[in-house]
Amino acid sequence: MLNIKDLNVAYEKVQVLWDVSFNITEGEVVTLLGSNGAGKSTTVKTIQGLLKPKSGSIRFMDKPIEGLPAYKIVSEGIALVPEGREIFPKMSVLENLILGAYVSRAKDSQDESLEWVFKLYPKLNERKKQLAGTMSGGEQQMLAIARALMSKPKLLILDEPSLGLAPVVVLQVFDIIKKLREEGVTVLLVEQNVHHALEISDRAYVLEKGRIILEGKGSDLLSDKYVKEAYLGM
């Protein structure tokens, strides 16, 4: 579904990614792990068309997308839930969701998509008239994910979805990701919460200082000595 090969990205003269390569198969949950400054968000922004690579290729559904503007990449079927959620606080829950269905292929099935996300997140249905900015951080994260799903993505990218949330809410977020996999949604998860992320991942890649240093099944990396020492404090 998504194939990234030898991706090099720089901010002006400062290179951030070096020869990053990874792939995602339809139906998988794949996690990109790494500490702050490892290059995870840069990778996501490049996939989404917010940054242009120096070199390398990004193919989605066997079509090159590197260099396409962000709105065209959304139309191709990739939706991003950004770090920090970025909801519209002065708009209602329902208005935020409807904005998620602005791409042409999602507009015709807007009602069907609303029914689906309300089934996934019943609380959003209960609060659809509430201003999004008055919701808790966990509820806003649920709204951000639901809004992205309204675009009917083939690939959903979640950038640090557990960041800043209470532990009990973090568990709810990862439960939702498991539900999405059961629904057939393909997910690229970018996370620092290594233990929970690896538990739900089919495969994972570890990014350090802009380079992929490890890859494997989620369960295998969870028991990997380096991962335990560097990320799990064991």
Foldseek 3Di string as FASTA:
>chain_A
DKWWFQWWFADVPRTQAGGATDDFDFLFEEEEEEDPSLCLVVVVCQLQQVGATPDTFIADPNHTDHNPHNVVSLLVFEFEQEPVRPFDQQAFLQVSQQVLQPRPVLNVCQVVLVVVLCVLPVVCVVRRRPGLNVDDLLVSLSSSQSSPCSNVGSEYEYAASCPPHDPVSSVVVLVSVLVVSVVRRHYYYYHLQLPSSLVRGQKYFYGGSNYTDDIDGSVVLNPDPVCCVPRVVD
